[in-house]
Amino acid sequence: MRAMKFAALLALVVLSILLVAFAGSKKYGVADTRKISFSEAIKVGDVVLPKGDYKVQHTMEGENHIMVFTQLNASEPAVAHVKCQLVPLDKKAEHTQVIYGHNQADTHVLQEMLFAGDTAKHVF
């Protein structure tokens, strides 16, 4: 009887730890890593990234949300770190979307990103 109580308590503790770990991984409603393609050069923060494929990592620096863009398939990959705000969505995004404006040099400037399946968008 005592062994059964111990096993039940141990199972409950393990389940609780797993639930907390799983809940923390999507705390902000966005995946930690995504991939995106830019068909033209785009300014992200202070860096103009060349067109191409990128790995995008969502990281935290204290309370700040930081997106790290790393170029894929390049011998010297371009990298940009940019602070973003997460804006909750009413429902999961159905499509991946990149919204940009233009500066005076007519360069694309990243303003928002939305990834399919996320429940928040990134605003720069």
PDB file of N, CA and C in Angstrom:
ATOM      1  N   MET A   1       0.823  -1.190   0.000  1.00  0.00           N
ATOM      2  CA  MET A   1       0.000   0.000   0.000  1.00  0.00           C
ATOM      3  C   MET A   1       0.873   1.262   0.000  1.00  0.00           C
ATOM      4  N   ARG A   2       1.901   1.229   0.817  1.00  0.00           N
ATOM      5  CA  ARG A   2       2.794   2.384   0.916  1.00  0.00           C
ATOM      6  C   ARG A   2       3.515   2.621  -0.407  1.00  0.00           C
ATOM      7  N   ALA A   3       3.915   1.555  -1.083  1.00  0.00           N
ATOM      8  CA  ALA A   3       4.603   1.662  -2.372  1.00  0.00           C
ATOM      9  C   ALA A   3       3.679   2.255  -3.427  1.00  0.00           C
ATOM     10  N   MET A   4       2.391   1.911  -3.398  1.00  0.00           N
ATOM     11  CA  MET A   4       1.431   2.460  -4.360  1.00  0.00           C
ATOM     12  C   MET A   4       1.254   3.961  -4.157  1.00  0.00           C
ATOM     13  N   LYS A   5       1.189   4.394  -2.908  1.00  0.00           N
ATOM     14  CA  LYS A   5       1.054   5.825  -2.615  1.00  0.00           C
ATOM     15  C   LYS A   5       2.283   6.582  -3.110  1.00  0.00           C
ATOM     16  N   PHE A   6       3.460   5.999  -2.876  1.00  0.00           N
ATOM     17  CA  PHE A   6       4.695   6.633  -3.328  1.00  0.00           C
ATOM     18  C   PHE A   6       4.727   6.728  -4.849  1.00  0.00           C
ATOM     19  N   ALA A   7       4.340   5.650  -5.535  1.00  0.00           N
ATOM     20  CA  ALA A   7       4.331   5.644  -7.005  1.00  0.00           C
ATOM     21  C   ALA A   7       3.333   6.671  -7.542  1.00  0.00           C
ATOM     22  N   ALA A   8       2.168   6.768  -6.921  1.00  0.00           N
ATOM     23  CA  ALA A   8       1.161   7.742  -7.354  1.00  0.00           C
ATOM     24  C   ALA A   8       1.665   9.166  -7.138  1.00  0.00           C
ATOM     25  N   LEU A   9       2.290   9.413  -6.008  1.00  0.00           N
ATOM     26  CA  LEU A   9       2.831  10.740  -5.721  1.00  0.00           C
ATOM     27  C   LEU A   9       3.949  11.091  -6.696  1.00  0.00           C
ATOM     28  N   LEU A  10       4.813  10.133  -6.987  1.00  0.00           N
ATOM     29  CA  LEU A  10       5.904  10.354  -7.934  1.00  0.00           C
ATOM     30  C   LEU A  10       5.352  10.655  -9.325  1.00  0.00           C
ATOM     31  N   ALA A  11       4.347   9.910  -9.750  1.00  0.00           N
ATOM     32  CA  ALA A  11       3.727  10.153 -11.060  1.00  0.00           C
ATOM     33  C   ALA A  11       3.109  11.546 -11.112  1.00  0.00           C
ATOM     34  N   LEU A  12       2.481  11.975 -10.048  1.00  0.00           N
ATOM     35  CA  LEU A  12       1.875  13.305  -9.986  1.00  0.00           C
ATOM     36  C   LEU A  12       2.937  14.401 -10.077  1.00  0.00           C
ATOM     37  N   VAL A  13       4.051  14.214  -9.399  1.00  0.00           N
ATOM     38  CA  VAL A  13       5.140  15.190  -9.446  1.00  0.00           C
ATOM     39  C   VAL A  13       5.717  15.274 -10.859  1.00  0.00           C
ATOM     40  N   VAL A  14       5.968  14.139 -11.494  1.00  0.00           N
ATOM     41  CA  VAL A  14       6.510  14.124 -12.858  1.00  0.00           C
ATOM     42  C   VAL A  14       5.538  14.791 -13.820  1.00  0.00           C
ATOM     43  N   LEU A  15       4.260  14.486 -13.709  1.00  0.00           N
ATOM     44  CA  LEU A  15       3.249  15.096 -14.568  1.00  0.00           C
ATOM     45  C   LEU A  15       3.207  16.610 -14.374  1.00  0.00           C
ATOM     46  N   SER A  16       3.291  17.062 -13.140  1.00  0.00           N
ATOM     47  CA  SER A  16       3.293  18.504 -12.861  1.00  0.00           C
ATOM     48  C   SER A  16       4.494  19.194 -13.491  1.00  0.00           C
ATOM     49  N   ILE A  17       5.648  18.582 -13.381  1.00  0.00           N
ATOM     50  CA  ILE A  17       6.862  19.161 -13.973  1.00  0.00           C
ATOM     51  C   ILE A  17       6.723  19.245 -15.488  1.00  0.00           C
ATOM     52  N   LEU A  18       6.208  18.194 -16.110  1.00  0.00           N
ATOM     53  CA  LEU A  18       6.018  18.202 -17.563  1.00  0.00           C
ATOM     54  C   LEU A  18       5.021  19.269 -17.995  1.00  0.00           C
ATOM     55  N   LEU A  19       3.950  19.438 -17.260  1.00  0.00           N
ATOM     56  CA  LEU A  19       2.961  20.466 -17.600  1.00  0.00           C
ATOM     57  C   LEU A  19       3.553  21.865 -17.506  1.00  0.00           C
ATOM     58  N   VAL A  20       4.321  22.120 -16.475  1.00  0.00           N
ATOM     59  CA  VAL A  20       4.959  23.431 -16.321  1.00  0.00           C
ATOM     60  C   VAL A  20       5.963  23.666 -17.442  1.00  0.00           C
ATOM     61  N   ALA A  21       6.749  22.662 -17.782  1.00  0.00           N
ATOM     62  CA  ALA A  21       7.740  22.803 -18.858  1.00  0.00           C
ATOM     63  C   ALA A  21       7.055  23.046 -20.188  1.00  0.00           C
ATOM     64  N   PHE A  22       5.988  22.320 -20.470  1.00  0.00           N
ATOM     65  CA  PHE A  22       5.279  22.488 -21.737  1.00  0.00           C
ATOM     66  C   PHE A  22       4.618  23.861 -21.808  1.00  0.00           C
ATOM     67  N   ALA A  23       4.011  24.301 -20.743  1.00  0.00           N
ATOM     68  CA  ALA A  23       3.345  25.604 -20.736  1.00  0.00           C
ATOM     69  C   ALA A  23       4.353  26.722 -20.941  1.00  0.00           C
ATOM     70  N   GLY A  24       5.541  26.612 -20.390  1.00  0.00           N
ATOM     71  CA  GLY A  24       6.551  27.651 -20.526  1.00  0.00           C
ATOM     72  C   GLY A  24       7.114  27.769 -21.920  1.00  0.00           C
ATOM     73  N   SER A  25       7.085  26.695 -22.691  1.00  0.00           N
ATOM     74  CA  SER A  25       7.689  26.736 -24.012  1.00  0.00           C
ATOM     75  C   SER A  25       6.891  27.579 -24.996  1.00  0.00           C
ATOM     76  N   LYS A  26       5.599  27.767 -24.784  1.00  0.00           N
ATOM     77  CA  LYS A  26       4.779  28.574 -25.674  1.00  0.00           C
ATOM     78  C   LYS A  26       4.117  29.711 -24.887  1.00  0.00           C
ATOM     79  N   LYS A  27       4.791  30.202 -23.888  1.00  0.00           N
ATOM     80  CA  LYS A  27       4.230  31.217 -22.993  1.00  0.00           C
ATOM     81  C   LYS A  27       3.709  32.423 -23.751  1.00  0.00           C
ATOM     82  N   TYR A  28       4.403  32.830 -24.793  1.00  0.00           N
ATOM     83  CA  TYR A  28       4.025  34.040 -25.512  1.00  0.00           C
ATOM     84  C   TYR A  28       3.243  33.752 -26.791  1.00  0.00           C
ATOM     85  N   GLY A  29       2.927  32.500 -27.045  1.00  0.00           N
ATOM     86  CA  GLY A  29       2.136  32.155 -28.218  1.00  0.00           C
ATOM     87  C   GLY A  29       2.908  32.131 -29.521  1.00  0.00           C
ATOM     88  N   VAL A  30       4.241  32.039 -29.440  1.00  0.00           N
ATOM     89  CA  VAL A  30       5.075  31.991 -30.642  1.00  0.00           C
ATOM     90  C   VAL A  30       6.093  30.867 -30.498  1.00  0.00           C
ATOM     91  N   ALA A  31       6.481  30.301 -31.625  1.00  0.00           N
ATOM     92  CA  ALA A  31       7.510  29.259 -31.621  1.00  0.00           C
ATOM     93  C   ALA A  31       8.880  29.900 -31.417  1.00  0.00           C
ATOM     94  N   ASP A  32       9.798  29.154 -30.827  1.00  0.00           N
ATOM     95  CA  ASP A  32      11.135  29.688 -30.566  1.00  0.00           C
ATOM     96  C   ASP A  32      11.956  29.875 -31.835  1.00  0.00           C
ATOM     97  N   THR A  33      11.778  28.991 -32.818  1.00  0.00           N
ATOM     98  CA  THR A  33      12.567  29.062 -34.052  1.00  0.00           C
ATOM     99  C   THR A  33      11.662  28.871 -35.258  1.00  0.00           C
ATOM    100  N   ARG A  34      11.875  29.693 -36.259  1.00  0.00           N
ATOM    101  CA  ARG A  34      11.129  29.611 -37.525  1.00  0.00           C
ATOM    102  C   ARG A  34      12.096  29.830 -38.672  1.00  0.00           C
ATOM    103  N   LYS A  35      11.613  29.595 -39.894  1.00  0.00           N
ATOM    104  CA  LYS A  35      12.389  29.908 -41.098  1.00  0.00           C
ATOM    105  C   LYS A  35      11.556  30.833 -41.965  1.00  0.00           C
ATOM    106  N   ILE A  36      12.239  31.754 -42.647  1.00  0.00           N
ATOM    107  CA  ILE A  36      11.574  32.734 -43.509  1.00  0.00           C
ATOM    108  C   ILE A  36      12.469  33.004 -44.712  1.00  0.00           C
ATOM    109  N   SER A  37      11.854  33.353 -45.822  1.00  0.00           N
ATOM    110  CA  SER A  37      12.601  33.730 -47.029  1.00  0.00           C
ATOM    111  C   SER A  37      12.258  35.163 -47.394  1.00  0.00           C
ATOM    112  N   PHE A  38      13.271  35.928 -47.721  1.00  0.00           N
ATOM    113  CA  PHE A  38      13.085  37.292 -48.213  1.00  0.00           C
ATOM    114  C   PHE A  38      13.465  37.302 -49.690  1.00  0.00           C
ATOM    115  N   SER A  39      12.562  37.777 -50.548  1.00  0.00           N
ATOM    116  CA  SER A  39      12.819  37.792 -51.994  1.00  0.00           C
ATOM    117  C   SER A  39      13.640  38.999 -52.419  1.00  0.00           C
ATOM    118  N   GLU A  40      13.774  39.973 -51.518  1.00  0.00           N
ATOM    119  CA  GLU A  40      14.604  41.156 -51.767  1.00  0.00           C
ATOM    120  C   GLU A  40      15.315  41.525 -50.475  1.00  0.00           C
ATOM    121  N   ALA A  41      16.331  42.370 -50.583  1.00  0.00           N
ATOM    122  CA  ALA A  41      17.020  42.850 -49.383  1.00  0.00           C
ATOM    123  C   ALA A  41      16.006  43.563 -48.494  1.00  0.00           C
ATOM    124  N   ILE A  42      16.179  43.439 -47.175  1.00  0.00           N
ATOM    125  CA  ILE A  42      15.246  44.058 -46.240  1.00  0.00           C
ATOM    126  C   ILE A  42      16.009  44.553 -45.018  1.00  0.00           C
ATOM    127  N   LYS A  43      15.655  45.730 -44.552  1.00  0.00           N
ATOM    128  CA  LYS A  43      16.299  46.298 -43.366  1.00  0.00           C
ATOM    129  C   LYS A  43      15.589  45.769 -42.126  1.00  0.00           C
ATOM    130  N   VAL A  44      16.375  45.154 -41.249  1.00  0.00           N
ATOM    131  CA  VAL A  44      15.875  44.596 -40.000  1.00  0.00           C
ATOM    132  C   VAL A  44      16.659  45.263 -38.883  1.00  0.00           C
ATOM    133  N   GLY A  45      16.014  46.129 -38.131  1.00  0.00           N
ATOM    134  CA  GLY A  45      16.738  46.913 -37.137  1.00  0.00           C
ATOM    135  C   GLY A  45      17.691  47.848 -37.850  1.00  0.00           C
ATOM    136  N   ASP A  46      18.977  47.771 -37.528  1.00  0.00           N
ATOM    137  CA  ASP A  46      19.992  48.622 -38.161  1.00  0.00           C
ATOM    138  C   ASP A  46      20.732  47.909 -39.290  1.00  0.00           C
ATOM    139  N   VAL A  47      20.339  46.673 -39.611  1.00  0.00           N
ATOM    140  CA  VAL A  47      21.062  45.858 -40.585  1.00  0.00           C
ATOM    141  C   VAL A  47      20.204  45.630 -41.829  1.00  0.00           C
ATOM    142  N   VAL A  48      20.809  45.791 -43.003  1.00  0.00           N
ATOM    143  CA  VAL A  48      20.129  45.428 -44.247  1.00  0.00           C
ATOM    144  C   VAL A  48      20.551  44.000 -44.587  1.00  0.00           C
ATOM    145  N   LEU A  49      19.587  43.088 -44.531  1.00  0.00           N
ATOM    146  CA  LEU A  49      19.852  41.685 -44.830  1.00  0.00           C
ATOM    147  C   LEU A  49      19.669  41.439 -46.322  1.00  0.00           C
ATOM    148  N   PRO A  50      20.590  40.709 -46.953  1.00  0.00           N
ATOM    149  CA  PRO A  50      20.413  40.386 -48.377  1.00  0.00           C
ATOM    150  C   PRO A  50      19.258  39.396 -48.550  1.00  0.00           C
ATOM    151  N   LYS A  51      18.722  39.346 -49.764  1.00  0.00           N
ATOM    152  CA  LYS A  51      17.645  38.386 -50.016  1.00  0.00           C
ATOM    153  C   LYS A  51      18.161  36.986 -49.752  1.00  0.00           C
ATOM    154  N   GLY A  52      17.258  36.101 -49.348  1.00  0.00           N
ATOM    155  CA  GLY A  52      17.647  34.729 -49.074  1.00  0.00           C
ATOM    156  C   GLY A  52      16.809  34.107 -47.981  1.00  0.00           C
ATOM    157  N   ASP A  53      17.248  32.942 -47.533  1.00  0.00           N
ATOM    158  CA  ASP A  53      16.555  32.181 -46.495  1.00  0.00           C
ATOM    159  C   ASP A  53      17.207  32.454 -45.146  1.00  0.00           C
ATOM    160  N   TYR A  54      16.365  32.544 -44.100  1.00  0.00           N
ATOM    161  CA  TYR A  54      16.844  32.883 -42.766  1.00  0.00           C
ATOM    162  C   TYR A  54      16.213  31.999 -41.703  1.00  0.00           C
ATOM    163  N   LYS A  55      17.016  31.697 -40.690  1.00  0.00           N
ATOM    164  CA  LYS A  55      16.491  31.103 -39.466  1.00  0.00           C
ATOM    165  C   LYS A  55      16.184  32.280 -38.551  1.00  0.00           C
ATOM    166  N   VAL A  56      14.996  32.266 -37.951  1.00  0.00           N
ATOM    167  CA  VAL A  56      14.585  33.348 -37.058  1.00  0.00           C
ATOM    168  C   VAL A  56      14.372  32.743 -35.677  1.00  0.00           C
ATOM    169  N   GLN A  57      15.136  33.222 -34.703  1.00  0.00           N
ATOM    170  CA  GLN A  57      15.016  32.735 -33.333  1.00  0.00           C
ATOM    171  C   GLN A  57      14.403  33.816 -32.461  1.00  0.00           C
ATOM    172  N   HIS A  58      13.418  33.417 -31.666  1.00  0.00           N
ATOM    173  CA  HIS A  58      12.806  34.320 -30.698  1.00  0.00           C
ATOM    174  C   HIS A  58      13.506  34.078 -29.372  1.00  0.00           C
ATOM    175  N   THR A  59      14.162  35.102 -28.842  1.00  0.00           N
ATOM    176  CA  THR A  59      14.891  34.964 -27.583  1.00  0.00           C
ATOM    177  C   THR A  59      14.444  36.053 -26.616  1.00  0.00           C
ATOM    178  N   MET A  60      14.876  35.928 -25.398  1.00  0.00           N
ATOM    179  CA  MET A  60      14.579  36.929 -24.374  1.00  0.00           C
ATOM    180  C   MET A  60      15.889  37.460 -23.811  1.00  0.00           C
ATOM    181  N   GLU A  61      15.945  38.758 -23.618  1.00  0.00           N
ATOM    182  CA  GLU A  61      17.045  39.404 -22.901  1.00  0.00           C
ATOM    183  C   GLU A  61      16.389  40.194 -21.793  1.00  0.00           C
ATOM    184  N   GLY A  62      16.323  39.575 -20.616  1.00  0.00           N
ATOM    185  CA  GLY A  62      15.558  40.172 -19.528  1.00  0.00           C
ATOM    186  C   GLY A  62      14.089  40.149 -19.902  1.00  0.00           C
ATOM    187  N   GLU A  63      13.447  41.306 -19.912  1.00  0.00           N
ATOM    188  CA  GLU A  63      12.039  41.412 -20.300  1.00  0.00           C
ATOM    189  C   GLU A  63      11.872  41.746 -21.777  1.00  0.00           C
ATOM    190  N   ASN A  64      12.982  41.899 -22.505  1.00  0.00           N
ATOM    191  CA  ASN A  64      12.923  42.285 -23.917  1.00  0.00           C
ATOM    192  C   ASN A  64      12.828  41.065 -24.828  1.00  0.00           C
ATOM    193  N   HIS A  65      11.914  41.141 -25.783  1.00  0.00           N
ATOM    194  CA  HIS A  65      11.780  40.112 -26.811  1.00  0.00           C
ATOM    195  C   HIS A  65      12.736  40.473 -27.939  1.00  0.00           C
ATOM    196  N   ILE A  66      13.611  39.554 -28.296  1.00  0.00           N
ATOM    197  CA  ILE A  66      14.612  39.792 -29.339  1.00  0.00           C
ATOM    198  C   ILE A  66      14.448  38.731 -30.424  1.00  0.00           C
ATOM    199  N   MET A  67      14.441  39.178 -31.677  1.00  0.00           N
ATOM    200  CA  MET A  67      14.428  38.263 -32.815  1.00  0.00           C
ATOM    201  C   MET A  67      15.836  38.265 -33.402  1.00  0.00           C
ATOM    202  N   VAL A  68      16.381  37.075 -33.626  1.00  0.00           N
ATOM    203  CA  VAL A  68      17.708  36.933 -34.221  1.00  0.00           C
ATOM    204  C   VAL A  68      17.532  36.295 -35.598  1.00  0.00           C
ATOM    205  N   PHE A  69      17.918  37.027 -36.637  1.00  0.00           N
ATOM    206  CA  PHE A  69      17.834  36.562 -38.019  1.00  0.00           C
ATOM    207  C   PHE A  69      19.223  36.093 -38.438  1.00  0.00           C
ATOM    208  N   THR A  70      19.348  34.840 -38.863  1.00  0.00           N
ATOM    209  CA  THR A  70      20.624  34.287 -39.312  1.00  0.00           C
ATOM    210  C   THR A  70      20.435  33.718 -40.713  1.00  0.00           C
ATOM    211  N   GLN A  71      21.230  34.217 -41.655  1.00  0.00           N
ATOM    212  CA  GLN A  71      21.127  33.774 -43.047  1.00  0.00           C
ATOM    213  C   GLN A  71      21.562  32.317 -43.165  1.00  0.00           C
ATOM    214  N   LEU A  72      20.809  31.553 -43.931  1.00  0.00           N
ATOM    215  CA  LEU A  72      21.123  30.144 -44.180  1.00  0.00           C
ATOM    216  C   LEU A  72      21.844  30.004 -45.513  1.00  0.00           C
ATOM    217  N   ASN A  73      22.587  28.934 -45.664  1.00  0.00           N
ATOM    218  CA  ASN A  73      23.254  28.598 -46.931  1.00  0.00           C
ATOM    219  C   ASN A  73      24.200  29.695 -47.411  1.00  0.00           C
ATOM    220  N   ALA A  74      24.912  30.320 -46.500  1.00  0.00           N
ATOM    221  CA  ALA A  74      25.875  31.368 -46.858  1.00  0.00           C
ATOM    222  C   ALA A  74      27.189  31.081 -46.140  1.00  0.00           C
ATOM    223  N   SER A  75      28.316  31.301 -46.835  1.00  0.00           N
ATOM    224  CA  SER A  75      29.616  31.047 -46.211  1.00  0.00           C
ATOM    225  C   SER A  75      29.880  32.031 -45.075  1.00  0.00           C
ATOM    226  N   GLU A  76      29.431  33.270 -45.233  1.00  0.00           N
ATOM    227  CA  GLU A  76      29.505  34.272 -44.170  1.00  0.00           C
ATOM    228  C   GLU A  76      28.096  34.805 -43.947  1.00  0.00           C
ATOM    229  N   PRO A  77      27.310  34.125 -43.092  1.00  0.00           N
ATOM    230  CA  PRO A  77      25.904  34.485 -42.941  1.00  0.00           C
ATOM    231  C   PRO A  77      25.696  35.876 -42.348  1.00  0.00           C
ATOM    232  N   ALA A  78      24.731  36.583 -42.913  1.00  0.00           N
ATOM    233  CA  ALA A  78      24.312  37.866 -42.355  1.00  0.00           C
ATOM    234  C   ALA A  78      23.493  37.577 -41.103  1.00  0.00           C
ATOM    235  N   VAL A  79      23.649  38.430 -40.084  1.00  0.00           N
ATOM    236  CA  VAL A  79      22.934  38.252 -38.821  1.00  0.00           C
ATOM    237  C   VAL A  79      22.392  39.600 -38.376  1.00  0.00           C
ATOM    238  N   ALA A  80      21.164  39.595 -37.865  1.00  0.00           N
ATOM    239  CA  ALA A  80      20.572  40.814 -37.310  1.00  0.00           C
ATOM    240  C   ALA A  80      19.857  40.465 -36.014  1.00  0.00           C
ATOM    241  N   HIS A  81      20.037  41.302 -35.003  1.00  0.00           N
ATOM    242  CA  HIS A  81      19.331  41.192 -33.725  1.00  0.00           C
ATOM    243  C   HIS A  81      18.422  42.409 -33.637  1.00  0.00           C
ATOM    244  N   VAL A  82      17.144  42.186 -33.383  1.00  0.00           N
ATOM    245  CA  VAL A  82      16.221  43.316 -33.317  1.00  0.00           C
ATOM    246  C   VAL A  82      15.184  43.073 -32.220  1.00  0.00           C
ATOM    247  N   LYS A  83      14.907  44.133 -31.474  1.00  0.00           N
ATOM    248  CA  LYS A  83      13.893  44.080 -30.425  1.00  0.00           C
ATOM    249  C   LYS A  83      12.519  44.116 -31.081  1.00  0.00           C
ATOM    250  N   CYS A  84      11.586  43.359 -30.522  1.00  0.00           N
ATOM    251  CA  CYS A  84      10.231  43.379 -31.060  1.00  0.00           C
ATOM    252  C   CYS A  84       9.220  43.364 -29.922  1.00  0.00           C
ATOM    253  N   GLN A  85       8.001  43.707 -30.277  1.00  0.00           N
ATOM    254  CA  GLN A  85       6.881  43.605 -29.343  1.00  0.00           C
ATOM    255  C   GLN A  85       5.985  42.489 -29.840  1.00  0.00           C
ATOM    256  N   LEU A  86       5.457  41.707 -28.924  1.00  0.00           N
ATOM    257  CA  LEU A  86       4.498  40.673 -29.290  1.00  0.00           C
ATOM    258  C   LEU A  86       3.099  41.220 -29.068  1.00  0.00           C
ATOM    259  N   VAL A  87       2.290  41.172 -30.115  1.00  0.00           N
ATOM    260  CA  VAL A  87       0.913  41.651 -30.042  1.00  0.00           C
ATOM    261  C   VAL A  87       0.004  40.436 -30.201  1.00  0.00           C
ATOM    262  N   PRO A  88      -0.798  40.133 -29.171  1.00  0.00           N
ATOM    263  CA  PRO A  88      -1.671  38.959 -29.244  1.00  0.00           C
ATOM    264  C   PRO A  88      -2.678  39.060 -30.393  1.00  0.00           C
ATOM    265  N   LEU A  89      -2.979  37.908 -30.988  1.00  0.00           N
ATOM    266  CA  LEU A  89      -3.981  37.813 -32.048  1.00  0.00           C
ATOM    267  C   LEU A  89      -5.259  37.202 -31.469  1.00  0.00           C
ATOM    268  N   ASP A  90      -6.383  37.447 -32.122  1.00  0.00           N
ATOM    269  CA  ASP A  90      -7.654  36.870 -31.681  1.00  0.00           C
ATOM    270  C   ASP A  90      -7.697  35.361 -31.884  1.00  0.00           C
ATOM    271  N   LYS A  91      -6.985  34.881 -32.917  1.00  0.00           N
ATOM    272  CA  LYS A  91      -6.929  33.451 -33.196  1.00  0.00           C
ATOM    273  C   LYS A  91      -5.573  33.142 -33.816  1.00  0.00           C
ATOM    274  N   LYS A  92      -5.263  31.862 -33.964  1.00  0.00           N
ATOM    275  CA  LYS A  92      -3.988  31.465 -34.567  1.00  0.00           C
ATOM    276  C   LYS A  92      -3.879  32.004 -35.985  1.00  0.00           C
ATOM    277  N   ALA A  93      -2.678  32.453 -36.321  1.00  0.00           N
ATOM    278  CA  ALA A  93      -2.433  32.946 -37.680  1.00  0.00           C
ATOM    279  C   ALA A  93      -2.530  31.784 -38.662  1.00  0.00           C
ATOM    280  N   GLU A  94      -3.239  32.012 -39.759  1.00  0.00           N
ATOM    281  CA  GLU A  94      -3.398  30.967 -40.763  1.00  0.00           C
ATOM    282  C   GLU A  94      -2.231  30.938 -41.747  1.00  0.00           C
ATOM    283  N   HIS A  95      -1.582  32.082 -41.953  1.00  0.00           N
ATOM    284  CA  HIS A  95      -0.515  32.189 -42.946  1.00  0.00           C
ATOM    285  C   HIS A  95       0.677  32.935 -42.357  1.00  0.00           C
ATOM    286  N   THR A  96       1.841  32.662 -42.906  1.00  0.00           N
ATOM    287  CA  THR A  96       3.027  33.443 -42.573  1.00  0.00           C
ATOM    288  C   THR A  96       2.982  34.713 -43.410  1.00  0.00           C
ATOM    289  N   GLN A  97       3.281  35.840 -42.780  1.00  0.00           N
ATOM    290  CA  GLN A  97       3.166  37.126 -43.464  1.00  0.00           C
ATOM    291  C   GLN A  97       4.288  38.056 -43.010  1.00  0.00           C
ATOM    292  N   VAL A  98       4.880  38.772 -43.969  1.00  0.00           N
ATOM    293  CA  VAL A  98       5.898  39.780 -43.685  1.00  0.00           C
ATOM    294  C   VAL A  98       5.343  41.121 -44.154  1.00  0.00           C
ATOM    295  N   ILE A  99       5.304  42.091 -43.255  1.00  0.00           N
ATOM    296  CA  ILE A  99       4.806  43.427 -43.598  1.00  0.00           C
ATOM    297  C   ILE A  99       5.972  44.395 -43.481  1.00  0.00           C
ATOM    298  N   TYR A 100       6.194  45.162 -44.536  1.00  0.00           N
ATOM    299  CA  TYR A 100       7.315  46.093 -44.546  1.00  0.00           C
ATOM    300  C   TYR A 100       6.887  47.407 -45.175  1.00  0.00           C
ATOM    301  N   GLY A 101       7.660  48.445 -44.846  1.00  0.00           N
ATOM    302  CA  GLY A 101       7.501  49.750 -45.471  1.00  0.00           C
ATOM    303  C   GLY A 101       8.760  50.043 -46.260  1.00  0.00           C
ATOM    304  N   HIS A 102       8.915  51.286 -46.663  1.00  0.00           N
ATOM    305  CA  HIS A 102      10.114  51.702 -47.399  1.00  0.00           C
ATOM    306  C   HIS A 102      10.692  52.951 -46.747  1.00  0.00           C
ATOM    307  N   ASN A 103      12.018  53.034 -46.730  1.00  0.00           N
ATOM    308  CA  ASN A 103      12.668  54.240 -46.226  1.00  0.00           C
ATOM    309  C   ASN A 103      12.971  55.173 -47.404  1.00  0.00           C
ATOM    310  N   GLN A 104      13.684  56.278 -47.141  1.00  0.00           N
ATOM    311  CA  GLN A 104      13.974  57.261 -48.191  1.00  0.00           C
ATOM    312  C   GLN A 104      14.864  56.692 -49.290  1.00  0.00           C
ATOM    313  N   ALA A 105      15.645  55.667 -48.966  1.00  0.00           N
ATOM    314  CA  ALA A 105      16.503  55.027 -49.971  1.00  0.00           C
ATOM    315  C   ALA A 105      15.739  53.939 -50.735  1.00  0.00           C
ATOM    316  N   ASP A 106      14.441  53.836 -50.497  1.00  0.00           N
ATOM    317  CA  ASP A 106      13.558  52.855 -51.131  1.00  0.00           C
ATOM    318  C   ASP A 106      13.938  51.415 -50.786  1.00  0.00           C
ATOM    319  N   THR A 107      14.505  51.226 -49.595  1.00  0.00           N
ATOM    320  CA  THR A 107      14.828  49.893 -49.088  1.00  0.00           C
ATOM    321  C   THR A 107      13.639  49.373 -48.292  1.00  0.00           C
ATOM    322  N   HIS A 108      13.332  48.085 -48.441  1.00  0.00           N
ATOM    323  CA  HIS A 108      12.287  47.476 -47.611  1.00  0.00           C
ATOM    324  C   HIS A 108      12.720  47.578 -46.149  1.00  0.00           C
ATOM    325  N   VAL A 109      11.795  47.961 -45.267  1.00  0.00           N
ATOM    326  CA  VAL A 109      12.054  48.043 -43.832  1.00  0.00           C
ATOM    327  C   VAL A 109      11.020  47.167 -43.123  1.00  0.00           C
ATOM    328  N   LEU A 110      11.487  46.144 -42.421  1.00  0.00           N
ATOM    329  CA  LEU A 110      10.590  45.214 -41.738  1.00  0.00           C
ATOM    330  C   LEU A 110       9.794  45.935 -40.655  1.00  0.00           C
ATOM    331  N   GLN A 111       8.465  45.756 -40.670  1.00  0.00           N
ATOM    332  CA  GLN A 111       7.594  46.365 -39.665  1.00  0.00           C
ATOM    333  C   GLN A 111       6.890  45.321 -38.804  1.00  0.00           C
ATOM    334  N   GLU A 112       6.398  44.246 -39.440  1.00  0.00           N
ATOM    335  CA  GLU A 112       5.684  43.196 -38.711  1.00  0.00           C
ATOM    336  C   GLU A 112       5.963  41.839 -39.340  1.00  0.00           C
ATOM    337  N   MET A 113       5.894  40.805 -38.499  1.00  0.00           N
ATOM    338  CA  MET A 113       5.984  39.425 -38.988  1.00  0.00           C
ATOM    339  C   MET A 113       4.933  38.601 -38.264  1.00  0.00           C
ATOM    340  N   LEU A 114       4.344  37.702 -39.023  1.00  0.00           N
ATOM    341  CA  LEU A 114       3.311  36.824 -38.509  1.00  0.00           C
ATOM    342  C   LEU A 114       3.626  35.430 -39.032  1.00  0.00           C
ATOM    343  N   PHE A 115       3.703  34.443 -38.150  1.00  0.00           N
ATOM    344  CA  PHE A 115       4.003  33.077 -38.567  1.00  0.00           C
ATOM    345  C   PHE A 115       2.768  32.207 -38.399  1.00  0.00           C
ATOM    346  N   ALA A 116       2.489  31.381 -39.394  1.00  0.00           N
ATOM    347  CA  ALA A 116       1.342  30.476 -39.345  1.00  0.00           C
ATOM    348  C   ALA A 116       1.395  29.639 -38.069  1.00  0.00           C
ATOM    349  N   GLY A 117       0.273  29.571 -37.368  1.00  0.00           N
ATOM    350  CA  GLY A 117       0.179  28.774 -36.147  1.00  0.00           C
ATOM    351  C   GLY A 117       0.445  29.535 -34.869  1.00  0.00           C
ATOM    352  N   ASP A 118       1.052  30.723 -34.955  1.00  0.00           N
ATOM    353  CA  ASP A 118       1.321  31.524 -33.759  1.00  0.00           C
ATOM    354  C   ASP A 118       0.063  32.277 -33.333  1.00  0.00           C
ATOM    355  N   THR A 119       0.006  32.646 -32.061  1.00  0.00           N
ATOM    356  CA  THR A 119      -1.125  33.419 -31.548  1.00  0.00           C
ATOM    357  C   THR A 119      -0.729  34.851 -31.213  1.00  0.00           C
ATOM    358  N   ALA A 120       0.439  35.268 -31.687  1.00  0.00           N
ATOM    359  CA  ALA A 120       0.892  36.651 -31.514  1.00  0.00           C
ATOM    360  C   ALA A 120       1.706  37.037 -32.741  1.00  0.00           C
ATOM    361  N   LYS A 121       1.714  38.337 -33.059  1.00  0.00           N
ATOM    362  CA  LYS A 121       2.540  38.819 -34.164  1.00  0.00           C
ATOM    363  C   LYS A 121       3.702  39.616 -33.603  1.00  0.00           C
ATOM    364  N   HIS A 122       4.775  39.707 -34.385  1.00  0.00           N
ATOM    365  CA  HIS A 122       5.973  40.449 -34.000  1.00  0.00           C
ATOM    366  C   HIS A 122       5.906  41.826 -34.653  1.00  0.00           C
ATOM    367  N   VAL A 123       6.004  42.877 -33.852  1.00  0.00           N
ATOM    368  CA  VAL A 123       5.979  44.247 -34.362  1.00  0.00           C
ATOM    369  C   VAL A 123       7.325  44.880 -34.042  1.00  0.00           C
ATOM    370  N   PHE A 124       7.953  45.463 -35.085  1.00  0.00           N
ATOM    371  CA  PHE A 124       9.296  46.034 -34.932  1.00  0.00           C
ATOM    372  C   PHE A 124       9.255  47.544 -34.922  1.00  0.00           C
TER     373      PHE A 124
END
